[in-house]
Amino acid sequence: METRFVRGLVPLSADPITYGHIDLIARAASQCHDLIVLITQNDGKRGS
């Protein structure tokens, strides 16, 4: 499959990372040549 984009960015404040996040990253990776996954910390966000 031909990539649509040269670079991609997936910013996440995911703690913990779930299978849904992994799926999102995999789909983004299939759309671009280079993918940056930025995992940040959001102290104001509460997990469920």
PDB file of N, CA and C in Angstrom:
ATOM      1  N   MET A   1       0.846  -1.188   0.000  1.00  0.00           N
ATOM      2  CA  MET A   1       0.000   0.000   0.000  1.00  0.00           C
ATOM      3  C   MET A   1       0.882   1.238   0.000  1.00  0.00           C
ATOM      4  N   GLU A   2       0.542   2.182  -0.831  1.00  0.00           N
ATOM      5  CA  GLU A   2       1.302   3.418  -0.912  1.00  0.00           C
ATOM      6  C   GLU A   2       0.938   4.328   0.260  1.00  0.00           C
ATOM      7  N   THR A   3       1.963   4.923   0.870  1.00  0.00           N
ATOM      8  CA  THR A   3       1.706   5.826   1.992  1.00  0.00           C
ATOM      9  C   THR A   3       1.169   7.149   1.468  1.00  0.00           C
ATOM     10  N   ARG A   4       0.294   7.766   2.251  1.00  0.00           N
ATOM     11  CA  ARG A   4      -0.339   9.021   1.838  1.00  0.00           C
ATOM     12  C   ARG A   4       0.430  10.237   2.319  1.00  0.00           C
ATOM     13  N   PHE A   5       1.141  10.099   3.431  1.00  0.00           N
ATOM     14  CA  PHE A   5       1.813  11.234   4.042  1.00  0.00           C
ATOM     15  C   PHE A   5       3.280  10.907   4.290  1.00  0.00           C
ATOM     16  N   VAL A   6       4.115  11.936   4.287  1.00  0.00           N
ATOM     17  CA  VAL A   6       5.535  11.737   4.580  1.00  0.00           C
ATOM     18  C   VAL A   6       5.729  11.554   6.075  1.00  0.00           C
ATOM     19  N   ARG A   7       5.125  12.424   6.886  1.00  0.00           N
ATOM     20  CA  ARG A   7       5.285  12.356   8.335  1.00  0.00           C
ATOM     21  C   ARG A   7       3.926  12.418   9.019  1.00  0.00           C
ATOM     22  N   GLY A   8       3.866  11.754  10.166  1.00  0.00           N
ATOM     23  CA  GLY A   8       2.647  11.784  10.960  1.00  0.00           C
ATOM     24  C   GLY A   8       2.983  11.963  12.427  1.00  0.00           C
ATOM     25  N   LEU A   9       2.015  12.447  13.184  1.00  0.00           N
ATOM     26  CA  LEU A   9       2.184  12.665  14.618  1.00  0.00           C
ATOM     27  C   LEU A   9       0.950  12.140  15.338  1.00  0.00           C
ATOM     28  N   VAL A  10       1.175  11.312  16.354  1.00  0.00           N
ATOM     29  CA  VAL A  10       0.092  10.816  17.197  1.00  0.00           C
ATOM     30  C   VAL A  10       0.417  11.228  18.629  1.00  0.00           C
ATOM     31  N   PRO A  11      -0.211  12.306  19.130  1.00  0.00           N
ATOM     32  CA  PRO A  11       0.013  12.691  20.529  1.00  0.00           C
ATOM     33  C   PRO A  11      -0.953  11.936  21.444  1.00  0.00           C
ATOM     34  N   LEU A  12      -0.442  11.365  22.514  1.00  0.00           N
ATOM     35  CA  LEU A  12      -1.269  10.600  23.452  1.00  0.00           C
ATOM     36  C   LEU A  12      -0.946  10.999  24.882  1.00  0.00           C
ATOM     37  N   SER A  13      -1.977  11.089  25.700  1.00  0.00           N
ATOM     38  CA  SER A  13      -1.772  11.159  27.151  1.00  0.00           C
ATOM     39  C   SER A  13      -2.456   9.928  27.729  1.00  0.00           C
ATOM     40  N   ALA A  14      -1.967   8.778  27.311  1.00  0.00           N
ATOM     41  CA  ALA A  14      -2.603   7.501  27.617  1.00  0.00           C
ATOM     42  C   ALA A  14      -1.851   6.787  28.729  1.00  0.00           C
ATOM     43  N   ASP A  15      -2.512   6.581  29.830  1.00  0.00           N
ATOM     44  CA  ASP A  15      -1.903   5.846  30.934  1.00  0.00           C
ATOM     45  C   ASP A  15      -2.986   5.017  31.601  1.00  0.00           C
ATOM     46  N   PRO A  16      -3.071   3.777  31.333  1.00  0.00           N
ATOM     47  CA  PRO A  16      -2.138   2.965  30.546  1.00  0.00           C
ATOM     48  C   PRO A  16      -2.498   2.986  29.068  1.00  0.00           C
ATOM     49  N   ILE A  17      -1.561   2.561  28.240  1.00  0.00           N
ATOM     50  CA  ILE A  17      -1.825   2.408  26.813  1.00  0.00           C
ATOM     51  C   ILE A  17      -2.681   1.158  26.627  1.00  0.00           C
ATOM     52  N   THR A  18      -3.739   1.290  25.841  1.00  0.00           N
ATOM     53  CA  THR A  18      -4.671   0.174  25.628  1.00  0.00           C
ATOM     54  C   THR A  18      -4.506  -0.392  24.212  1.00  0.00           C
ATOM     55  N   TYR A  19      -5.197  -1.500  23.954  1.00  0.00           N
ATOM     56  CA  TYR A  19      -5.187  -2.066  22.605  1.00  0.00           C
ATOM     57  C   TYR A  19      -5.777  -1.085  21.595  1.00  0.00           C
ATOM     58  N   GLY A  20      -6.701  -0.252  22.018  1.00  0.00           N
ATOM     59  CA  GLY A  20      -7.254   0.773  21.135  1.00  0.00           C
ATOM     60  C   GLY A  20      -6.201   1.785  20.723  1.00  0.00           C
ATOM     61  N   HIS A  21      -5.346   2.180  21.661  1.00  0.00           N
ATOM     62  CA  HIS A  21      -4.251   3.095  21.332  1.00  0.00           C
ATOM     63  C   HIS A  21      -3.279   2.437  20.357  1.00  0.00           C
ATOM     64  N   ILE A  22      -2.972   1.162  20.597  1.00  0.00           N
ATOM     65  CA  ILE A  22      -2.055   0.436  19.717  1.00  0.00           C
ATOM     66  C   ILE A  22      -2.637   0.340  18.311  1.00  0.00           C
ATOM     67  N   ASP A  23      -3.943   0.098  18.203  1.00  0.00           N
ATOM     68  CA  ASP A  23      -4.602   0.048  16.899  1.00  0.00           C
ATOM     69  C   ASP A  23      -4.521   1.397  16.199  1.00  0.00           C
ATOM     70  N   LEU A  24      -4.756   2.474  16.935  1.00  0.00           N
ATOM     71  CA  LEU A  24      -4.667   3.821  16.376  1.00  0.00           C
ATOM     72  C   LEU A  24      -3.268   4.093  15.837  1.00  0.00           C
ATOM     73  N   ILE A  25      -2.248   3.723  16.599  1.00  0.00           N
ATOM     74  CA  ILE A  25      -0.860   3.922  16.173  1.00  0.00           C
ATOM     75  C   ILE A  25      -0.567   3.093  14.922  1.00  0.00           C
ATOM     76  N   ALA A  26      -1.021   1.847  14.890  1.00  0.00           N
ATOM     77  CA  ALA A  26      -0.784   0.981  13.730  1.00  0.00           C
ATOM     78  C   ALA A  26      -1.455   1.538  12.475  1.00  0.00           C
ATOM     79  N   ARG A  27      -2.684   2.023  12.612  1.00  0.00           N
ATOM     80  CA  ARG A  27      -3.379   2.599  11.449  1.00  0.00           C
ATOM     81  C   ARG A  27      -2.692   3.869  10.975  1.00  0.00           C
ATOM     82  N   ALA A  28      -2.227   4.696  11.911  1.00  0.00           N
ATOM     83  CA  ALA A  28      -1.501   5.910  11.532  1.00  0.00           C
ATOM     84  C   ALA A  28      -0.192   5.555  10.835  1.00  0.00           C
ATOM     85  N   ALA A  29       0.493   4.529  11.331  1.00  0.00           N
ATOM     86  CA  ALA A  29       1.767   4.112  10.736  1.00  0.00           C
ATOM     87  C   ALA A  29       1.583   3.625   9.303  1.00  0.00           C
ATOM     88  N   SER A  30       0.432   3.050   9.003  1.00  0.00           N
ATOM     89  CA  SER A  30       0.191   2.563   7.643  1.00  0.00           C
ATOM     90  C   SER A  30      -0.087   3.701   6.665  1.00  0.00           C
ATOM     91  N   GLN A  31      -0.332   4.897   7.177  1.00  0.00           N
ATOM     92  CA  GLN A  31      -0.679   6.036   6.332  1.00  0.00           C
ATOM     93  C   GLN A  31       0.489   6.974   6.042  1.00  0.00           C
ATOM     94  N   CYS A  32       1.625   6.771   6.708  1.00  0.00           N
ATOM     95  CA  CYS A  32       2.733   7.703   6.527  1.00  0.00           C
ATOM     96  C   CYS A  32       4.073   6.968   6.555  1.00  0.00           C
ATOM     97  N   HIS A  33       5.073   7.627   6.006  1.00  0.00           N
ATOM     98  CA  HIS A  33       6.409   7.041   5.936  1.00  0.00           C
ATOM     99  C   HIS A  33       7.080   7.080   7.300  1.00  0.00           C
ATOM    100  N   ASP A  34       7.038   8.204   7.976  1.00  0.00           N
ATOM    101  CA  ASP A  34       7.608   8.375   9.315  1.00  0.00           C
ATOM    102  C   ASP A  34       6.490   8.742  10.280  1.00  0.00           C
ATOM    103  N   LEU A  35       6.477   8.106  11.440  1.00  0.00           N
ATOM    104  CA  LEU A  35       5.454   8.396  12.441  1.00  0.00           C
ATOM    105  C   LEU A  35       6.120   8.695  13.774  1.00  0.00           C
ATOM    106  N   ILE A  36       5.721   9.792  14.378  1.00  0.00           N
ATOM    107  CA  ILE A  36       6.173  10.157  15.717  1.00  0.00           C
ATOM    108  C   ILE A  36       5.009   9.920  16.665  1.00  0.00           C
ATOM    109  N   VAL A  37       5.245   9.133  17.709  1.00  0.00           N
ATOM    110  CA  VAL A  37       4.246   8.907  18.749  1.00  0.00           C
ATOM    111  C   VAL A  37       4.731   9.662  19.979  1.00  0.00           C
ATOM    112  N   LEU A  38       3.995  10.686  20.358  1.00  0.00           N
ATOM    113  CA  LEU A  38       4.360  11.544  21.483  1.00  0.00           C
ATOM    114  C   LEU A  38       3.489  11.171  22.673  1.00  0.00           C
ATOM    115  N   ILE A  39       4.107  10.596  23.688  1.00  0.00           N
ATOM    116  CA  ILE A  39       3.372  10.208  24.894  1.00  0.00           C
ATOM    117  C   ILE A  39       3.669  11.245  25.966  1.00  0.00           C
ATOM    118  N   THR A  40       2.614  11.892  26.439  1.00  0.00           N
ATOM    119  CA  THR A  40       2.759  12.967  27.412  1.00  0.00           C
ATOM    120  C   THR A  40       2.071  12.589  28.717  1.00  0.00           C
ATOM    121  N   GLN A  41       2.305  13.396  29.711  1.00  0.00           N
ATOM    122  CA  GLN A  41       1.646  13.216  31.001  1.00  0.00           C
ATOM    123  C   GLN A  41       0.705  14.386  31.222  1.00  0.00           C
ATOM    124  N   ASN A  42      -0.524  14.082  31.571  1.00  0.00           N
ATOM    125  CA  ASN A  42      -1.518  15.108  31.839  1.00  0.00           C
ATOM    126  C   ASN A  42      -1.991  14.911  33.277  1.00  0.00           C
ATOM    127  N   ASP A  43      -1.437  15.690  34.193  1.00  0.00           N
ATOM    128  CA  ASP A  43      -1.771  15.536  35.606  1.00  0.00           C
ATOM    129  C   ASP A  43      -3.224  15.887  35.910  1.00  0.00           C
ATOM    130  N   GLY A  44      -3.854  16.681  35.048  1.00  0.00           N
ATOM    131  CA  GLY A  44      -5.239  17.066  35.266  1.00  0.00           C
ATOM    132  C   GLY A  44      -6.240  16.026  34.790  1.00  0.00           C
ATOM    133  N   LYS A  45      -5.770  14.997  34.116  1.00  0.00           N
ATOM    134  CA  LYS A  45      -6.647  13.966  33.568  1.00  0.00           C
ATOM    135  C   LYS A  45      -6.670  12.775  34.511  1.00  0.00           C
ATOM    136  N   ARG A  46      -7.870  12.297  34.791  1.00  0.00           N
ATOM    137  CA  ARG A  46      -8.012  11.133  35.671  1.00  0.00           C
ATOM    138  C   ARG A  46      -8.479   9.943  34.850  1.00  0.00           C
ATOM    139  N   GLY A  47      -7.819   8.810  35.036  1.00  0.00           N
ATOM    140  CA  GLY A  47      -8.227   7.579  34.354  1.00  0.00           C
ATOM    141  C   GLY A  47      -9.488   7.015  34.981  1.00  0.00           C
ATOM    142  N   SER A  48     -10.140   6.135  34.251  1.00  0.00           N
ATOM    143  CA  SER A  48     -11.371   5.539  34.779  1.00  0.00           C
ATOM    144  C   SER A  48     -11.093   4.222  35.463  1.00  0.00           C
TER     145      SER A  48
END
